[in-house]
Amino acid sequence: MPPRTDALALLHAWNENPSLRKHGLLVEAGVRGYAADDGLDPATVDRWGIAGLLHDLDYERFPDAATHGAIGADELVRLGYPDEVVRAVRAHNDALGIPRESRLDHLVYACDELAGFLVAVALMRPTRQIADVEPVNVRKRMKDRAFARAVPREMLLAGADELGIEFDEHVRRMVRYLTVVAPEVGL
């Protein structure tokens, strides 16, 4: 398993866009937070976090939904990443038709869209801080179809459902997990 420093360098090499780099850090924080709360050992928390960090590795170069995730996963195979990391990267994109089976698969999917949506909600708050986002703020913004229109609302809800928790609880947890990296991503 390549170390996190190599994974971060890979993310930067494949993505010049600062927003995509920040998104990787946010999804990583979400996946790591869940893994730690699940009581997993530190090596597994790190490995799973790297899956979150690299889940959109190929998005800047290959944003087509028909291939997104597959090209990045192929690169991860070439570089010697573990099968569970590769599978989670592939499975996070519904368009590839790969069923999510493992806890890691579900975590990457559940943390992906919600992380981006939480950032958008935070930027609308008076403080512009992720820590100040509450489930009520998220639900209100979800009803506004013009707000963050690229984010499918059904995916936000499906992520929590796949984790087997209530949506509001998923939001609370993600806010807590993302707060850890908030200074690094400008929130």
Protein backbone atom coordinates (compact mmCIF):
# COMPACT_ATOMS: atom_id res chain seq x y z
CA MET A 1 0.00 0.00 0.00
CA PRO A 2 1.53 3.31 -1.03
CA PRO A 3 1.67 5.81 1.88
CA ARG A 4 -0.70 8.76 2.17
CA THR A 5 2.04 11.16 1.06
CA ASP A 6 2.22 9.30 -2.26
CA ALA A 7 -1.59 9.29 -2.54
CA LEU A 8 -1.73 13.03 -1.95
CA ALA A 9 1.00 13.61 -4.53
CA LEU A 10 -0.95 11.44 -6.99
CA LEU A 11 -4.11 13.48 -6.37
CA HIS A 12 -2.17 16.68 -7.07
CA ALA A 13 -0.51 15.25 -10.17
CA TRP A 14 -3.86 14.30 -11.69
CA ASN A 15 -5.81 17.37 -10.52
CA GLU A 16 -4.65 20.97 -10.86
CA ASN A 17 -8.05 22.32 -9.80
CA PRO A 18 -7.84 23.34 -6.10
CA SER A 19 -11.54 22.56 -5.62
CA LEU A 20 -11.04 18.94 -6.68
CA ARG A 21 -8.05 18.62 -4.38
CA LYS A 22 -10.07 20.03 -1.48
CA HIS A 23 -12.97 17.72 -2.29
CA GLY A 24 -10.65 14.74 -2.02
CA LEU A 25 -9.47 15.93 1.40
CA LEU A 26 -13.04 16.40 2.57
CA VAL A 27 -14.22 12.96 1.45
CA GLU A 28 -11.10 11.47 3.02
CA ALA A 29 -11.98 13.17 6.31
CA GLY A 30 -15.52 11.80 6.16
CA VAL A 31 -14.41 8.24 5.44
CA ARG A 32 -11.67 8.42 8.09
CA GLY A 33 -14.13 9.74 10.65
CA TYR A 34 -16.58 6.92 10.07
CA ALA A 35 -13.81 4.31 10.06
CA ALA A 36 -12.41 5.60 13.35
CA ASP A 37 -15.89 5.71 14.92
CA ASP A 38 -16.38 2.11 13.72
CA GLY A 39 -13.38 1.23 15.90
CA LEU A 40 -11.14 0.11 13.05
CA ASP A 41 -7.40 -0.15 13.55
CA PRO A 42 -5.25 2.82 12.48
CA ALA A 43 -3.89 1.06 9.37
CA THR A 44 -7.42 0.38 8.11
CA VAL A 45 -8.52 3.94 8.91
CA ASP A 46 -5.57 5.21 6.84
CA ARG A 47 -6.25 2.81 3.95
CA TRP A 48 -9.94 3.66 3.85
CA GLY A 49 -9.15 7.37 4.09
CA ILE A 50 -6.95 7.06 1.02
CA ALA A 51 -9.90 5.56 -0.88
CA GLY A 52 -11.84 8.72 -0.02
CA LEU A 53 -8.91 10.94 -0.96
CA LEU A 54 -8.50 9.33 -4.38
CA HIS A 55 -12.11 8.51 -5.26
CA ASP A 56 -12.26 11.31 -7.89
CA LEU A 57 -8.66 10.89 -9.05
CA ASP A 58 -9.60 10.85 -12.74
CA TYR A 59 -12.40 13.45 -12.66
CA GLU A 60 -10.43 16.44 -13.97
CA ARG A 61 -8.94 14.50 -16.89
CA PHE A 62 -11.93 12.22 -17.58
CA PRO A 63 -15.17 13.75 -16.27
CA ASP A 64 -17.44 11.60 -18.46
CA ALA A 65 -19.78 9.63 -16.18
CA ALA A 66 -19.40 6.58 -18.41
CA THR A 67 -15.70 6.25 -17.45
CA HIS A 68 -15.26 8.31 -14.26
CA GLY A 69 -13.84 6.14 -11.53
CA ALA A 70 -12.81 3.34 -13.87
CA ILE A 71 -9.77 5.13 -15.29
CA GLY A 72 -8.62 6.27 -11.87
CA ALA A 73 -9.14 2.77 -10.47
CA ASP A 74 -7.04 1.30 -13.29
CA GLU A 75 -4.24 3.71 -12.35
CA LEU A 76 -4.52 2.65 -8.71
CA VAL A 77 -4.20 -1.01 -9.73
CA ARG A 78 -1.09 -0.15 -11.73
CA LEU A 79 0.39 1.59 -8.68
CA GLY A 80 -0.30 -1.32 -6.31
CA TYR A 81 -3.23 -0.03 -4.28
CA PRO A 82 -5.28 -2.71 -2.48
CA ASP A 83 -8.31 -4.23 -4.15
CA GLU A 84 -10.72 -2.77 -1.57
CA VAL A 85 -9.51 0.77 -2.33
CA VAL A 86 -9.73 0.20 -6.09
CA ARG A 87 -13.21 -1.28 -5.80
CA ALA A 88 -14.49 1.64 -3.68
CA VAL A 89 -13.20 4.10 -6.29
CA ARG A 90 -15.03 2.23 -9.05
CA ALA A 91 -18.22 1.63 -7.05
CA HIS A 92 -18.76 5.26 -6.05
CA ASN A 93 -19.96 6.10 -9.58
CA ASP A 94 -23.44 4.67 -10.16
CA ALA A 95 -22.97 4.97 -13.95
CA LEU A 96 -20.40 2.15 -13.87
CA GLY A 97 -23.04 -0.24 -12.52
CA ILE A 98 -20.81 -1.79 -9.87
CA PRO A 99 -22.82 -2.77 -6.81
CA ARG A 100 -21.54 -1.38 -3.55
CA GLU A 101 -20.97 -4.29 -1.19
CA SER A 102 -18.43 -3.41 1.49
CA ARG A 103 -18.63 -0.85 4.25
CA LEU A 104 -15.84 1.07 2.48
CA ASP A 105 -17.82 1.11 -0.80
CA HIS A 106 -20.80 2.59 1.03
CA LEU A 107 -18.71 5.13 2.95
CA VAL A 108 -17.02 6.58 -0.13
CA TYR A 109 -20.38 6.89 -1.86
CA ALA A 110 -22.14 8.39 1.18
CA CYS A 111 -19.38 10.88 1.94
CA ASP A 112 -18.80 11.99 -1.67
CA GLU A 113 -21.86 14.03 -2.63
CA LEU A 114 -22.66 15.12 0.91
CA ALA A 115 -19.18 16.59 1.41
CA GLY A 116 -19.63 18.84 -1.61
CA PHE A 117 -23.13 19.82 -0.63
CA LEU A 118 -22.05 20.67 2.92
CA VAL A 119 -19.37 22.99 1.55
CA ALA A 120 -21.98 24.78 -0.55
CA VAL A 121 -24.26 25.13 2.48
CA ALA A 122 -21.39 26.35 4.67
CA LEU A 123 -20.52 29.06 2.16
CA MET A 124 -24.09 30.39 2.48
CA ARG A 125 -23.89 30.61 6.28
CA PRO A 126 -22.98 34.01 7.80
CA THR A 127 -19.76 32.56 9.28
CA ARG A 128 -18.88 30.50 6.17
CA GLN A 129 -17.73 27.74 8.52
CA ILE A 130 -18.56 24.07 8.12
CA ALA A 131 -18.88 23.73 11.90
CA ASP A 132 -21.95 25.99 11.81
CA VAL A 133 -23.92 23.81 9.41
CA GLU A 134 -26.94 22.05 10.94
CA PRO A 135 -29.20 19.38 9.40
CA VAL A 136 -32.02 21.94 9.17
CA ASN A 137 -29.80 24.15 6.97
CA VAL A 138 -29.02 21.21 4.71
CA ARG A 139 -32.65 20.13 4.38
CA LYS A 140 -33.70 23.68 3.57
CA ARG A 141 -31.09 23.93 0.81
CA MET A 142 -32.05 20.51 -0.54
CA LYS A 143 -35.56 21.82 -1.23
CA ASP A 144 -34.15 24.65 -3.34
CA ARG A 145 -33.51 22.95 -6.70
CA ALA A 146 -31.54 25.96 -7.96
CA PHE A 147 -29.04 25.59 -5.09
CA ALA A 148 -26.09 23.32 -5.99
CA ARG A 149 -28.23 22.02 -8.85
CA ALA A 150 -25.59 19.51 -9.99
CA VAL A 151 -25.98 17.53 -6.76
CA PRO A 152 -28.70 14.88 -7.06
CA ARG A 153 -30.73 15.07 -3.86
CA GLU A 154 -31.62 11.39 -4.07
CA MET A 155 -27.91 10.54 -3.83
CA LEU A 156 -27.57 12.53 -0.62
CA LEU A 157 -30.40 10.55 0.93
CA ALA A 158 -29.26 7.24 -0.57
CA GLY A 159 -25.83 7.62 1.01
CA ALA A 160 -27.28 7.79 4.52
CA ASP A 161 -29.63 4.94 3.69
CA GLU A 162 -26.74 2.76 2.54
CA LEU A 163 -24.99 3.45 5.85
CA GLY A 164 -28.13 2.50 7.73
CA ILE A 165 -28.47 5.82 9.57
CA GLU A 166 -30.89 8.72 9.49
CA PHE A 167 -29.96 11.51 7.12
CA ASP A 168 -29.75 14.15 9.86
CA GLU A 169 -27.32 11.93 11.79
CA HIS A 170 -25.21 11.51 8.66
CA VAL A 171 -25.10 15.31 8.28
CA ARG A 172 -24.11 15.80 11.94
CA ARG A 173 -21.32 13.23 11.66
CA MET A 174 -20.01 14.62 8.40
CA VAL A 175 -19.95 18.16 9.81
CA ARG A 176 -17.93 16.86 12.76
CA TYR A 177 -15.53 14.92 10.51
CA LEU A 178 -15.09 17.74 8.00
CA THR A 179 -14.39 20.27 10.73
CA VAL A 180 -11.07 18.46 11.26
CA VAL A 181 -9.82 19.56 7.81
CA ALA A 182 -11.77 22.83 7.63
CA PRO A 183 -8.72 25.08 8.08
CA GLU A 184 -6.86 23.20 5.34
CA VAL A 185 -9.72 23.67 2.84
CA GLY A 186 -10.69 27.22 3.80
CA LEU A 187 -13.84 26.50 5.80
